[in-house]
Protein backbone atom coordinates (compact mmCIF):
# COMPACT_ATOMS: atom_id res chain seq x y z
CA MET A 1 127.85 13.98 166.60
CA VAL A 2 128.59 16.49 163.90
CA VAL A 3 126.43 16.35 160.69
CA TYR A 4 128.12 18.23 157.97
CA HIS A 5 126.46 19.23 154.59
CA GLY A 6 128.83 21.95 153.29
CA ALA A 7 129.82 22.44 149.77
CA GLU A 8 133.61 21.11 150.39
CA THR A 9 134.79 18.05 152.09
CA TRP A 10 135.30 18.26 156.03
CA THR A 11 138.97 18.50 156.39
CA VAL A 12 139.13 18.97 160.34
CA GLY A 13 140.20 16.32 162.58
CA GLU A 14 137.71 14.16 164.59
CA CYS A 15 138.94 15.72 167.93
CA PHE A 16 136.99 18.85 169.33
CA LEU A 17 140.27 20.61 169.89
CA ASP A 18 141.15 20.31 166.31
CA LEU A 19 138.33 22.98 165.49
CA PHE A 20 140.21 25.41 167.48
CA GLY A 21 143.68 24.91 166.56
CA LEU A 22 144.99 25.86 170.13
CA ALA A 23 148.65 24.80 170.75
CA ALA A 24 149.44 23.05 173.90
CA ALA A 25 151.30 25.93 175.18
CA ASP A 26 148.33 28.30 174.88
CA PRO A 27 146.94 29.26 178.53
CA LEU A 28 143.53 28.39 177.51
CA ALA A 29 144.45 25.12 176.28
CA ALA A 30 143.98 23.52 179.65
CA TYR A 31 140.54 24.67 179.82
CA GLN A 32 139.38 23.61 176.63
CA PRO A 33 137.43 20.25 176.58
CA ASP A 34 138.75 17.70 174.31
CA PHE A 35 136.79 14.76 173.07
CA ARG A 36 136.46 12.57 169.71
CA TYR A 37 133.14 13.10 167.86
CA HIS A 38 131.28 11.08 165.11
CA LEU A 39 131.31 12.92 161.82
CA CYS A 40 128.40 12.30 159.40
CA ASP A 41 129.76 14.32 156.34
CA LEU A 42 126.97 14.33 153.82
CA SER A 43 128.86 16.57 151.49
CA ARG A 44 129.31 13.83 149.06
CA TYR A 45 125.68 13.67 148.39
CA SER A 46 123.72 15.78 146.19
CA ASP A 47 120.70 17.61 147.84
CA ASP A 48 118.53 15.37 145.45
CA GLU A 49 120.05 12.14 147.14
CA LEU A 50 119.42 13.36 150.47
CA ARG A 51 115.83 14.19 149.71
CA GLY A 52 115.33 10.72 148.22
CA GLY A 53 116.08 9.05 151.60
CA VAL A 54 113.31 11.43 153.56
């Protein structure tokens, strides 16, 4: 699970490999784990909105 609260909207895909941008031909690609993760993108909420739910 990835919890993101940055200033910008999350634009990376939902696969772990997308975070690194390795090409399939890269020698390290075979050793890079690949899995999907759940993204909880909180960037659309203000700090005050998030604090109100605590």
